[in-house]
Amino acid sequence: MDALFVYFIRLWFSFSGVFVMMGLLGEGVNRLFCRAAGMREGRRFALLSFALYTPLRELGHLVAAVIFGHRVGDYCLLNLYDPKGELGFVEHSYRPHSLIANLGNYFFALMPLLFSLFSVFLLLCGFFRGEAGELLSSVRTHSVSGAGILAYAREALTLLGSLLRFRLSDFFRRSLGLLLLLLLSPGVYLSFAELKDALCGFSIFLFGVLLFAFLSEARFGKEGSPLTVFCSFLVGITLSLFFLSFLLAVSSSLLVALAALASRGLRGSQK
């Protein structure tokens, strides 16, 4: 029974828990960014970020709604000039007594985070191929050795330092990649309000993981099995990408705030 419980917790944390916990932390970082962007002078500098990550997040909502059979009404992937400040939305409805539709509510909340985080990974692979390969190799080593969460935080910090090393031969490519990462990273978060509305779907997902753990524990639950190895690697790469996104999002917030203050100071000196 103890082995089954440990196996269940590992499965849940690998395929859901790590995204929920780190995603909610990411919402705090996003609020910091939005506060910096809320300054009148800062908003113009943040529009590029909103324009990049908002369509990705709304597309995540839309895909989840379609996959799980929700009825999609009106939707907008991006509107930077909405008077209410609603950058994008997806209106959807579902059958309240359908297990699949309720499960879809959970993924409706989670999918924007998954889209954003995967996009960060794709940008790394596309613009910083060498650093991405080193990250995957380090995470694989840490996952096998059973390293703790601090090891992945250090990996993210090391990776950020590597991203800031520019060479003349690939200056433009690395500069563009870093700019896109800075713009995208504030969108790596999970909305607590949306998660709260999806508690029923979360419960269904939790029960599904428990059922899978019960049926597969004898075959895959042992330490060193392909599934447990994959779970450890998935947690490691997810934590590393989250930590990197947080560092980049905080950097973006500081840059937006500094740009806003500089603009305000310049405007004051001209009067």
C-alpha atoms as a PDB file:
ATOM      1  CA  MET A   1       0.000   0.000   0.000  1.00  0.00           C
ATOM      2  CA  ASP A   2       2.855   2.398   0.829  1.00  0.00           C
ATOM      3  CA  ALA A   3       4.502   1.649  -2.524  1.00  0.00           C
ATOM      4  CA  LEU A   4       1.212   2.320  -4.331  1.00  0.00           C
ATOM      5  CA  PHE A   5       0.779   5.646  -2.527  1.00  0.00           C
ATOM      6  CA  VAL A   6       4.328   6.774  -3.379  1.00  0.00           C
ATOM      7  CA  TYR A   7       3.797   5.725  -7.012  1.00  0.00           C
ATOM      8  CA  PHE A   8       0.497   7.631  -7.159  1.00  0.00           C
ATOM      9  CA  ILE A   9       2.057  10.801  -5.708  1.00  0.00           C
ATOM     10  CA  ARG A  10       4.930  10.556  -8.197  1.00  0.00           C
ATOM     11  CA  LEU A  11       2.537  10.232 -11.135  1.00  0.00           C
ATOM     12  CA  TRP A  12       0.316  13.069  -9.944  1.00  0.00           C
ATOM     13  CA  PHE A  13       3.223  15.407  -9.238  1.00  0.00           C
ATOM     14  CA  SER A  14       4.932  14.624 -12.560  1.00  0.00           C
ATOM     15  CA  PHE A  15       1.885  15.112 -14.788  1.00  0.00           C
ATOM     16  CA  SER A  16      -0.035  17.728 -12.819  1.00  0.00           C
ATOM     17  CA  GLY A  17       1.258  18.822  -9.420  1.00  0.00           C
ATOM     18  CA  VAL A  18       4.494  20.418 -10.578  1.00  0.00           C
ATOM     19  CA  PHE A  19       2.621  22.456 -13.200  1.00  0.00           C
ATOM     20  CA  VAL A  20      -0.048  23.585 -10.727  1.00  0.00           C
ATOM     21  CA  MET A  21       2.354  24.556  -7.932  1.00  0.00           C
ATOM     22  CA  MET A  22       4.906  26.322 -10.095  1.00  0.00           C
ATOM     23  CA  GLY A  23       2.217  27.812 -12.318  1.00  0.00           C
ATOM     24  CA  LEU A  24       0.549  29.488  -9.329  1.00  0.00           C
ATOM     25  CA  LEU A  25       3.917  30.918  -8.302  1.00  0.00           C
ATOM     26  CA  GLY A  26       4.215  32.175 -11.862  1.00  0.00           C
ATOM     27  CA  GLU A  27       0.961  34.095 -11.437  1.00  0.00           C
ATOM     28  CA  GLY A  28       2.642  36.128  -8.703  1.00  0.00           C
ATOM     29  CA  VAL A  29       5.516  36.936 -11.052  1.00  0.00           C
ATOM     30  CA  ASN A  30       3.019  37.869 -13.775  1.00  0.00           C
ATOM     31  CA  ARG A  31       1.294  40.293 -11.393  1.00  0.00           C
ATOM     32  CA  LEU A  32       4.660  41.933 -10.759  1.00  0.00           C
ATOM     33  CA  PHE A  33       5.096  42.345 -14.517  1.00  0.00           C
ATOM     34  CA  CYS A  34       1.564  43.711 -14.971  1.00  0.00           C
ATOM     35  CA  ARG A  35       2.111  46.185 -12.151  1.00  0.00           C
ATOM     36  CA  ALA A  36       5.228  47.466 -13.908  1.00  0.00           C
ATOM     37  CA  ALA A  37       3.301  47.563 -17.184  1.00  0.00           C
ATOM     38  CA  GLY A  38       0.419  49.365 -15.470  1.00  0.00           C
ATOM     39  CA  MET A  39       2.467  52.539 -15.240  1.00  0.00           C
ATOM     40  CA  ARG A  40       1.307  54.787 -18.068  1.00  0.00           C
ATOM     41  CA  GLU A  41       4.814  55.053 -19.487  1.00  0.00           C
ATOM     42  CA  GLY A  42       5.441  51.342 -18.959  1.00  0.00           C
ATOM     43  CA  ARG A  43       2.464  49.971 -20.840  1.00  0.00           C
ATOM     44  CA  ARG A  44       3.809  50.838 -24.269  1.00  0.00           C
ATOM     45  CA  PHE A  45       6.957  48.853 -23.516  1.00  0.00           C
ATOM     46  CA  ALA A  46       4.921  45.871 -22.301  1.00  0.00           C
ATOM     47  CA  LEU A  47       2.596  45.736 -25.317  1.00  0.00           C
ATOM     48  CA  LEU A  48       5.066  43.557 -27.225  1.00  0.00           C
ATOM     49  CA  SER A  49       5.023  41.026 -24.389  1.00  0.00           C
ATOM     50  CA  PHE A  50       1.228  41.008 -24.195  1.00  0.00           C
ATOM     51  CA  ALA A  51       1.062  40.660 -27.984  1.00  0.00           C
ATOM     52  CA  LEU A  52       3.303  37.587 -27.873  1.00  0.00           C
ATOM     53  CA  TYR A  53       2.000  35.576 -24.943  1.00  0.00           C
ATOM     54  CA  THR A  54      -1.722  36.448 -24.935  1.00  0.00           C
ATOM     55  CA  PRO A  55      -2.547  34.677 -28.258  1.00  0.00           C
ATOM     56  CA  LEU A  56      -0.603  31.621 -27.065  1.00  0.00           C
ATOM     57  CA  ARG A  57      -2.568  31.445 -23.823  1.00  0.00           C
ATOM     58  CA  GLU A  58      -5.933  32.016 -25.491  1.00  0.00           C
ATOM     59  CA  LEU A  59      -5.067  29.406 -28.119  1.00  0.00           C
ATOM     60  CA  GLY A  60      -4.431  26.990 -25.238  1.00  0.00           C
ATOM     61  CA  HIS A  61      -7.905  27.732 -23.887  1.00  0.00           C
ATOM     62  CA  LEU A  62      -9.416  27.236 -27.336  1.00  0.00           C
ATOM     63  CA  VAL A  63      -7.641  23.924 -28.003  1.00  0.00           C
ATOM     64  CA  ALA A  64      -8.671  22.522 -24.607  1.00  0.00           C
ATOM     65  CA  ALA A  65     -12.290  23.526 -25.163  1.00  0.00           C
ATOM     66  CA  VAL A  66     -12.404  21.883 -28.598  1.00  0.00           C
ATOM     67  CA  ILE A  67     -10.643  18.661 -27.490  1.00  0.00           C
ATOM     68  CA  PHE A  68     -13.028  18.082 -24.590  1.00  0.00           C
ATOM     69  CA  GLY A  69     -16.192  18.856 -26.506  1.00  0.00           C
ATOM     70  CA  HIS A  70     -17.066  22.248 -25.048  1.00  0.00           C
ATOM     71  CA  ARG A  71     -19.273  24.519 -27.080  1.00  0.00           C
ATOM     72  CA  VAL A  72     -17.129  27.477 -28.145  1.00  0.00           C
ATOM     73  CA  GLY A  73     -18.910  30.795 -28.562  1.00  0.00           C
ATOM     74  CA  ASP A  74     -17.164  34.042 -29.287  1.00  0.00           C
ATOM     75  CA  TYR A  75     -13.407  34.269 -28.835  1.00  0.00           C
ATOM     76  CA  CYS A  76     -10.584  36.728 -29.364  1.00  0.00           C
ATOM     77  CA  LEU A  77      -6.921  35.743 -29.326  1.00  0.00           C
ATOM     78  CA  LEU A  78      -5.647  39.304 -28.933  1.00  0.00           C
ATOM     79  CA  ASN A  79      -7.072  42.789 -28.444  1.00  0.00           C
ATOM     80  CA  LEU A  80      -4.500  45.230 -27.090  1.00  0.00           C
ATOM     81  CA  TYR A  81      -6.939  48.145 -27.035  1.00  0.00           C
ATOM     82  CA  ASP A  82      -9.959  46.717 -25.245  1.00  0.00           C
ATOM     83  CA  PRO A  83     -11.363  49.475 -22.970  1.00  0.00           C
ATOM     84  CA  LYS A  84     -11.775  46.984 -20.113  1.00  0.00           C
ATOM     85  CA  GLY A  85      -8.221  45.725 -20.491  1.00  0.00           C
ATOM     86  CA  GLU A  86      -9.317  42.228 -21.535  1.00  0.00           C
ATOM     87  CA  LEU A  87      -6.483  41.229 -23.856  1.00  0.00           C
ATOM     88  CA  GLY A  88      -8.147  38.017 -25.049  1.00  0.00           C
ATOM     89  CA  PHE A  89     -10.954  35.616 -24.191  1.00  0.00           C
ATOM     90  CA  VAL A  90     -12.613  32.329 -25.111  1.00  0.00           C
ATOM     91  CA  GLU A  91     -16.296  31.941 -24.294  1.00  0.00           C
ATOM     92  CA  HIS A  92     -17.258  28.313 -23.772  1.00  0.00           C
ATOM     93  CA  SER A  93     -20.035  26.206 -22.283  1.00  0.00           C
ATOM     94  CA  TYR A  94     -20.294  22.507 -21.474  1.00  0.00           C
ATOM     95  CA  ARG A  95     -22.644  19.835 -20.183  1.00  0.00           C
ATOM     96  CA  PRO A  96     -22.331  20.023 -16.371  1.00  0.00           C
ATOM     97  CA  HIS A  97     -23.069  16.290 -15.883  1.00  0.00           C
ATOM     98  CA  SER A  98     -20.433  15.089 -18.359  1.00  0.00           C
ATOM     99  CA  LEU A  99     -17.245  13.697 -16.781  1.00  0.00           C
ATOM    100  CA  ILE A 100     -15.225  14.420 -19.934  1.00  0.00           C
ATOM    101  CA  ALA A 101     -16.505  17.999 -20.158  1.00  0.00           C
ATOM    102  CA  ASN A 102     -15.725  18.623 -16.476  1.00  0.00           C
ATOM    103  CA  LEU A 103     -12.263  17.139 -16.942  1.00  0.00           C
ATOM    104  CA  GLY A 104     -11.900  19.544 -19.848  1.00  0.00           C
ATOM    105  CA  ASN A 105     -12.456  22.434 -17.448  1.00  0.00           C
ATOM    106  CA  TYR A 106      -9.248  21.457 -15.650  1.00  0.00           C
ATOM    107  CA  PHE A 107      -7.291  21.399 -18.892  1.00  0.00           C
ATOM    108  CA  PHE A 108      -8.988  24.649 -19.951  1.00  0.00           C
ATOM    109  CA  ALA A 109      -7.213  26.217 -16.972  1.00  0.00           C
ATOM    110  CA  LEU A 110      -3.937  24.304 -17.446  1.00  0.00           C
ATOM    111  CA  MET A 111      -3.436  24.385 -21.222  1.00  0.00           C
ATOM    112  CA  PRO A 112      -2.383  28.075 -21.499  1.00  0.00           C
ATOM    113  CA  LEU A 113       0.433  27.372 -19.061  1.00  0.00           C
ATOM    114  CA  LEU A 114       1.515  24.279 -21.011  1.00  0.00           C
ATOM    115  CA  PHE A 115       1.491  26.200 -24.306  1.00  0.00           C
ATOM    116  CA  SER A 116       3.590  29.018 -22.824  1.00  0.00           C
ATOM    117  CA  LEU A 117       6.090  26.729 -21.111  1.00  0.00           C
ATOM    118  CA  PHE A 118       6.517  24.566 -24.212  1.00  0.00           C
ATOM    119  CA  SER A 119       7.068  27.714 -26.282  1.00  0.00           C
ATOM    120  CA  VAL A 120       9.903  28.725 -23.934  1.00  0.00           C
ATOM    121  CA  PHE A 121      11.453  25.296 -24.532  1.00  0.00           C
ATOM    122  CA  LEU A 122      11.057  25.640 -28.313  1.00  0.00           C
ATOM    123  CA  LEU A 123      12.714  29.067 -28.257  1.00  0.00           C
ATOM    124  CA  LEU A 124      15.628  27.611 -26.315  1.00  0.00           C
ATOM    125  CA  CYS A 125      16.024  24.784 -28.818  1.00  0.00           C
ATOM    126  CA  GLY A 126      15.703  27.126 -31.788  1.00  0.00           C
ATOM    127  CA  PHE A 127      17.952  29.997 -30.734  1.00  0.00           C
ATOM    128  CA  PHE A 128      20.213  28.421 -28.099  1.00  0.00           C
ATOM    129  CA  ARG A 129      20.635  24.850 -29.306  1.00  0.00           C
ATOM    130  CA  GLY A 130      23.898  24.217 -27.466  1.00  0.00           C
ATOM    131  CA  GLU A 131      22.604  25.517 -24.137  1.00  0.00           C
ATOM    132  CA  ALA A 132      19.362  23.533 -24.547  1.00  0.00           C
ATOM    133  CA  GLY A 133      21.358  20.343 -25.113  1.00  0.00           C
ATOM    134  CA  GLU A 134      23.465  20.991 -22.010  1.00  0.00           C
ATOM    135  CA  LEU A 135      20.304  21.604 -19.976  1.00  0.00           C
ATOM    136  CA  LEU A 136      18.735  18.311 -21.075  1.00  0.00           C
ATOM    137  CA  SER A 137      21.965  16.456 -20.277  1.00  0.00           C
ATOM    138  CA  SER A 138      22.221  18.033 -16.806  1.00  0.00           C
ATOM    139  CA  VAL A 139      18.566  17.357 -16.018  1.00  0.00           C
ATOM    140  CA  ARG A 140      18.995  13.730 -17.069  1.00  0.00           C
ATOM    141  CA  THR A 141      21.961  13.404 -14.685  1.00  0.00           C
ATOM    142  CA  HIS A 142      20.107  15.104 -11.813  1.00  0.00           C
ATOM    143  CA  SER A 143      16.977  12.987 -12.316  1.00  0.00           C
ATOM    144  CA  VAL A 144      18.992   9.775 -12.118  1.00  0.00           C
ATOM    145  CA  SER A 145      20.879  10.898  -9.004  1.00  0.00           C
ATOM    146  CA  GLY A 146      17.684  12.074  -7.266  1.00  0.00           C
ATOM    147  CA  ALA A 147      18.769  15.716  -6.949  1.00  0.00           C
ATOM    148  CA  GLY A 148      16.540  18.143  -5.065  1.00  0.00           C
ATOM    149  CA  ILE A 149      14.702  21.233  -6.268  1.00  0.00           C
ATOM    150  CA  LEU A 150      17.654  23.540  -5.581  1.00  0.00           C
ATOM    151  CA  ALA A 151      19.747  21.683  -8.157  1.00  0.00           C
ATOM    152  CA  TYR A 152      17.247  22.628 -10.862  1.00  0.00           C
ATOM    153  CA  ALA A 153      17.136  26.235  -9.644  1.00  0.00           C
ATOM    154  CA  ARG A 154      20.933  26.348  -9.996  1.00  0.00           C
ATOM    155  CA  GLU A 155      20.655  24.874 -13.492  1.00  0.00           C
ATOM    156  CA  ALA A 156      18.236  27.652 -14.468  1.00  0.00           C
ATOM    157  CA  LEU A 157      20.573  30.299 -13.058  1.00  0.00           C
ATOM    158  CA  THR A 158      23.531  28.792 -14.916  1.00  0.00           C
ATOM    159  CA  LEU A 159      21.484  28.637 -18.109  1.00  0.00           C
ATOM    160  CA  LEU A 160      20.485  32.292 -17.783  1.00  0.00           C
ATOM    161  CA  GLY A 161      24.159  33.218 -17.483  1.00  0.00           C
ATOM    162  CA  SER A 162      24.889  31.222 -20.643  1.00  0.00           C
ATOM    163  CA  LEU A 163      22.117  33.013 -22.533  1.00  0.00           C
ATOM    164  CA  LEU A 164      23.729  36.357 -21.765  1.00  0.00           C
ATOM    165  CA  ARG A 165      27.048  35.393 -23.351  1.00  0.00           C
ATOM    166  CA  PHE A 166      27.117  36.906 -26.821  1.00  0.00           C
ATOM    167  CA  ARG A 167      29.519  36.151 -29.646  1.00  0.00           C
ATOM    168  CA  LEU A 168      29.963  38.344 -32.682  1.00  0.00           C
ATOM    169  CA  SER A 169      29.325  35.430 -35.048  1.00  0.00           C
ATOM    170  CA  ASP A 170      25.769  34.816 -33.797  1.00  0.00           C
ATOM    171  CA  PHE A 171      24.979  38.101 -32.065  1.00  0.00           C
ATOM    172  CA  PHE A 172      21.742  38.763 -33.956  1.00  0.00           C
ATOM    173  CA  ARG A 173      20.329  35.257 -33.472  1.00  0.00           C
ATOM    174  CA  ARG A 174      21.072  35.178 -29.743  1.00  0.00           C
ATOM    175  CA  SER A 175      19.820  38.738 -29.226  1.00  0.00           C
ATOM    176  CA  LEU A 176      16.530  37.932 -30.959  1.00  0.00           C
ATOM    177  CA  GLY A 177      16.161  34.708 -28.982  1.00  0.00           C
ATOM    178  CA  LEU A 178      16.777  36.465 -25.672  1.00  0.00           C
ATOM    179  CA  LEU A 179      14.304  39.224 -26.571  1.00  0.00           C
ATOM    180  CA  LEU A 180      11.596  36.668 -27.401  1.00  0.00           C
ATOM    181  CA  LEU A 181      12.243  34.789 -24.139  1.00  0.00           C
ATOM    182  CA  LEU A 182      11.980  38.021 -22.144  1.00  0.00           C
ATOM    183  CA  LEU A 183       8.707  38.878 -23.872  1.00  0.00           C
ATOM    184  CA  LEU A 184       7.191  35.409 -23.506  1.00  0.00           C
ATOM    185  CA  SER A 185       8.236  34.527 -19.948  1.00  0.00           C
ATOM    186  CA  PRO A 186       5.652  36.710 -18.117  1.00  0.00           C
ATOM    187  CA  GLY A 187       2.944  34.528 -19.710  1.00  0.00           C
ATOM    188  CA  VAL A 188       4.174  31.338 -17.992  1.00  0.00           C
ATOM    189  CA  TYR A 189       1.615  31.169 -15.194  1.00  0.00           C
ATOM    190  CA  LEU A 190      -1.560  29.422 -14.065  1.00  0.00           C
ATOM    191  CA  SER A 191      -4.603  31.514 -13.251  1.00  0.00           C
ATOM    192  CA  PHE A 192      -5.825  30.737  -9.730  1.00  0.00           C
ATOM    193  CA  ALA A 193      -9.333  31.967 -10.595  1.00  0.00           C
ATOM    194  CA  GLU A 194      -9.561  29.546 -13.536  1.00  0.00           C
ATOM    195  CA  LEU A 195      -8.155  26.686 -11.463  1.00  0.00           C
ATOM    196  CA  LYS A 196     -10.711  27.368  -8.731  1.00  0.00           C
ATOM    197  CA  ASP A 197     -13.494  27.097 -11.296  1.00  0.00           C
ATOM    198  CA  ALA A 198     -12.082  23.714 -12.416  1.00  0.00           C
ATOM    199  CA  LEU A 199     -11.957  21.888  -9.067  1.00  0.00           C
ATOM    200  CA  CYS A 200     -14.421  19.257 -10.267  1.00  0.00           C
ATOM    201  CA  GLY A 201     -12.243  18.515 -13.301  1.00  0.00           C
ATOM    202  CA  PHE A 202      -9.156  18.443 -11.069  1.00  0.00           C
ATOM    203  CA  SER A 203     -10.846  15.829  -8.853  1.00  0.00           C
ATOM    204  CA  ILE A 204     -11.694  13.700 -11.908  1.00  0.00           C
ATOM    205  CA  PHE A 205      -8.079  13.919 -13.103  1.00  0.00           C
ATOM    206  CA  LEU A 206      -6.834  12.951  -9.640  1.00  0.00           C
ATOM    207  CA  PHE A 207      -9.129   9.914  -9.590  1.00  0.00           C
ATOM    208  CA  GLY A 208      -7.925   8.925 -13.070  1.00  0.00           C
ATOM    209  CA  VAL A 209      -4.287   9.057 -11.939  1.00  0.00           C
ATOM    210  CA  LEU A 210      -5.151   6.984  -8.862  1.00  0.00           C
ATOM    211  CA  LEU A 211      -6.904   4.377 -11.011  1.00  0.00           C
ATOM    212  CA  PHE A 212      -3.954   4.208 -13.411  1.00  0.00           C
ATOM    213  CA  ALA A 213      -1.537   3.872 -10.474  1.00  0.00           C
ATOM    214  CA  PHE A 214      -3.586   1.002  -9.037  1.00  0.00           C
ATOM    215  CA  LEU A 215      -3.705  -0.855 -12.368  1.00  0.00           C
ATOM    216  CA  SER A 216      -0.077  -0.282 -13.365  1.00  0.00           C
ATOM    217  CA  GLU A 217       1.808  -0.303 -10.045  1.00  0.00           C
ATOM    218  CA  ALA A 218       2.914  -3.934 -10.351  1.00  0.00           C
ATOM    219  CA  ARG A 219       4.404  -3.339 -13.803  1.00  0.00           C
ATOM    220  CA  PHE A 220       5.662   0.256 -13.734  1.00  0.00           C
ATOM    221  CA  GLY A 221       5.757   1.260 -10.067  1.00  0.00           C
ATOM    222  CA  LYS A 222       9.205  -0.074  -9.244  1.00  0.00           C
ATOM    223  CA  GLU A 223      12.137   2.300  -9.000  1.00  0.00           C
ATOM    224  CA  GLY A 224      14.065   2.341 -12.256  1.00  0.00           C
ATOM    225  CA  SER A 225      11.149   1.376 -14.480  1.00  0.00           C
ATOM    226  CA  PRO A 226      10.822   3.358 -17.756  1.00  0.00           C
ATOM    227  CA  LEU A 227       7.796   5.256 -16.440  1.00  0.00           C
ATOM    228  CA  THR A 228       9.377   6.319 -13.135  1.00  0.00           C
ATOM    229  CA  VAL A 229      12.563   7.367 -14.939  1.00  0.00           C
ATOM    230  CA  PHE A 230      10.489   9.425 -17.371  1.00  0.00           C
ATOM    231  CA  CYS A 231       8.562  11.005 -14.467  1.00  0.00           C
ATOM    232  CA  SER A 232      11.804  12.077 -12.773  1.00  0.00           C
ATOM    233  CA  PHE A 233      13.105  13.573 -16.008  1.00  0.00           C
ATOM    234  CA  LEU A 234       9.796  15.348 -16.707  1.00  0.00           C
ATOM    235  CA  VAL A 235       9.785  16.933 -13.250  1.00  0.00           C
ATOM    236  CA  GLY A 236      13.407  18.003 -13.669  1.00  0.00           C
ATOM    237  CA  ILE A 237      13.007  19.668 -17.053  1.00  0.00           C
ATOM    238  CA  THR A 238       9.729  21.281 -15.965  1.00  0.00           C
ATOM    239  CA  LEU A 239      11.280  22.758 -12.806  1.00  0.00           C
ATOM    240  CA  SER A 240      14.285  24.039 -14.754  1.00  0.00           C
ATOM    241  CA  LEU A 241      12.086  25.728 -17.369  1.00  0.00           C
ATOM    242  CA  PHE A 242       9.858  27.252 -14.693  1.00  0.00           C
ATOM    243  CA  PHE A 243      12.813  28.668 -12.777  1.00  0.00           C
ATOM    244  CA  LEU A 244      14.280  30.076 -15.983  1.00  0.00           C
ATOM    245  CA  SER A 245      10.917  31.624 -16.886  1.00  0.00           C
ATOM    246  CA  PHE A 246      10.627  33.211 -13.441  1.00  0.00           C
ATOM    247  CA  LEU A 247      14.107  34.736 -13.712  1.00  0.00           C
ATOM    248  CA  LEU A 248      13.352  36.061 -17.178  1.00  0.00           C
ATOM    249  CA  ALA A 249       9.923  37.412 -16.140  1.00  0.00           C
ATOM    250  CA  VAL A 250      11.413  39.261 -13.160  1.00  0.00           C
ATOM    251  CA  SER A 251      14.064  40.677 -15.499  1.00  0.00           C
ATOM    252  CA  SER A 252      11.316  41.778 -17.906  1.00  0.00           C
ATOM    253  CA  SER A 253       9.451  43.481 -15.055  1.00  0.00           C
ATOM    254  CA  LEU A 254      12.567  45.389 -14.031  1.00  0.00           C
ATOM    255  CA  LEU A 255      13.305  46.401 -17.618  1.00  0.00           C
ATOM    256  CA  VAL A 256       9.730  47.640 -18.144  1.00  0.00           C
ATOM    257  CA  ALA A 257       9.821  49.587 -14.872  1.00  0.00           C
ATOM    258  CA  LEU A 258      13.207  51.130 -15.702  1.00  0.00           C
ATOM    259  CA  ALA A 259      12.050  52.045 -19.211  1.00  0.00           C
ATOM    260  CA  ALA A 260       8.934  53.670 -17.762  1.00  0.00           C
ATOM    261  CA  LEU A 261      10.916  55.661 -15.215  1.00  0.00           C
ATOM    262  CA  ALA A 262      13.405  56.747 -17.882  1.00  0.00           C
ATOM    263  CA  SER A 263      10.554  57.853 -20.137  1.00  0.00           C
ATOM    264  CA  ARG A 264       8.944  59.741 -17.266  1.00  0.00           C
ATOM    265  CA  GLY A 265      12.225  61.421 -16.393  1.00  0.00           C
ATOM    266  CA  LEU A 266      12.845  62.392 -20.019  1.00  0.00           C
ATOM    267  CA  ARG A 267       9.377  63.849 -20.289  1.00  0.00           C
ATOM    268  CA  GLY A 268       9.884  65.808 -17.073  1.00  0.00           C
ATOM    269  CA  SER A 269      13.162  67.276 -18.265  1.00  0.00           C
ATOM    270  CA  GLN A 270      11.544  68.483 -21.491  1.00  0.00           C
ATOM    271  CA  LYS A 271       8.875  70.516 -19.704  1.00  0.00           C
END
